Protein backbone atom coordinates (compact mmCIF):
# COMPACT_ATOMS: atom_id res chain seq x y z
CA MET A 1 -54.73 -50.21 139.66
CA THR A 2 -56.34 -53.02 141.63
CA LEU A 3 -59.92 -54.10 141.49
CA ASP A 4 -61.94 -53.77 144.67
CA THR A 5 -63.27 -56.96 146.16
CA LEU A 6 -66.36 -57.37 148.28
CA GLU A 7 -64.11 -57.39 151.35
CA ASP A 8 -63.25 -53.76 150.55
CA TRP A 9 -66.87 -52.76 151.27
CA MET A 10 -68.56 -52.57 154.69
CA ASP A 11 -72.26 -52.63 155.41
CA GLU A 12 -73.84 -50.19 157.86
CA ASP A 13 -73.47 -52.57 160.81
CA GLU A 14 -69.75 -53.07 160.29
CA ALA A 15 -69.09 -49.40 159.58
CA ALA A 16 -70.98 -48.25 162.67
CA ALA A 17 -69.23 -50.80 164.89
CA SER A 18 -65.79 -49.82 163.58
CA VAL A 19 -66.23 -46.22 164.79
CA ARG A 20 -68.37 -47.13 167.83
CA LYS A 21 -71.40 -45.25 166.57
CA THR A 22 -74.94 -46.40 165.93
CA ILE A 23 -76.40 -47.10 162.52
CA ARG A 24 -78.79 -44.25 163.29
CA THR A 25 -75.83 -41.88 163.59
CA LEU A 26 -74.48 -42.95 160.19
CA ARG A 27 -77.93 -42.43 158.68
CA ASP A 28 -78.23 -39.00 160.28
CA TRP A 29 -74.81 -38.03 158.89
CA ARG A 30 -75.88 -39.12 155.40
CA LYS A 31 -79.14 -37.20 155.66
CA ARG A 32 -77.23 -34.03 156.65
CA GLY A 33 -74.54 -34.57 153.99
CA GLU A 34 -71.88 -35.16 156.64
CA GLY A 35 -69.77 -38.14 157.53
CA PRO A 36 -67.80 -40.54 155.38
CA PRO A 37 -68.53 -41.11 151.68
CA TYR A 38 -70.82 -44.03 150.88
CA THR A 39 -72.24 -45.87 147.90
CA ARG A 40 -75.67 -47.29 147.28
CA PHE A 41 -76.02 -50.68 145.67
CA GLY A 42 -79.72 -50.56 144.97
CA ARG A 43 -81.25 -49.94 148.39
CA THR A 44 -78.17 -51.17 150.25
CA VAL A 45 -75.64 -48.69 151.63
CA ARG A 46 -71.97 -49.66 151.61
CA TYR A 47 -68.83 -47.89 152.77
CA HIS A 48 -65.55 -48.39 150.93
CA ARG A 49 -63.19 -49.45 153.71
CA PRO A 50 -60.03 -47.53 152.61
CA THR A 51 -62.04 -44.36 151.93
CA PHE A 52 -63.87 -44.74 155.25
CA VAL A 53 -60.57 -44.95 157.14
CA GLU A 54 -59.09 -41.99 155.22
CA PHE A 55 -62.14 -39.85 156.04
CA PHE A 56 -61.57 -40.27 159.76
CA LYS A 57 -57.80 -39.84 159.47
CA ALA A 58 -58.39 -36.54 157.68
CA SER A 59 -60.79 -35.49 160.46
CA GLN A 60 -58.15 -35.76 163.16
CA ILE A 61 -57.43 -32.65 165.18
CA GLN A 62 -53.85 -32.13 166.27
CA PRO A 63 -53.65 -30.38 169.63
CA VAL A 64 -51.40 -27.36 169.78
CA ARG A 65 -49.21 -26.99 172.80
CA SER A 66 -49.40 -23.75 174.67
CA ARG A 67 -46.39 -21.46 174.46
CA ARG A 68 -46.66 -20.77 178.15
CA SER A 69 -43.77 -22.13 180.14
CA GLY A 70 -46.09 -23.39 182.82
CA LYS A 71 -44.84 -20.82 185.33
CA ARG A 72 -47.50 -18.67 186.84
CA LYS A 73 -47.11 -14.99 187.44
CA GLN A 74 -47.10 -14.15 191.06
CA THR A 75 -49.73 -11.71 192.13
CA ARG A 76 -49.24 -9.30 194.96
C-alpha cells in the first residue's frame, strides 16, 4: 500500500479542465449526487486523481455494431 501524496489530489480547477467541463458543472454534479467521488478538506474540495480517472473509464459506453449486413432490401 502506498501513501497518497498531494500530487494525487486535484482541485476543482484542475479537475474541471481535465474533463473540459466548468467548475459549475462539477458543483452541480456534487449537488445532485452525480459525478466523480470527491473529498472535502475543510471547505476545499479535492478529487483523488486515480479515482477520478477510474470514474470516467467506468462511465464509457461501448457502441454495439448492428447485425445488419449493410445491404438494403429492395422495395418494389
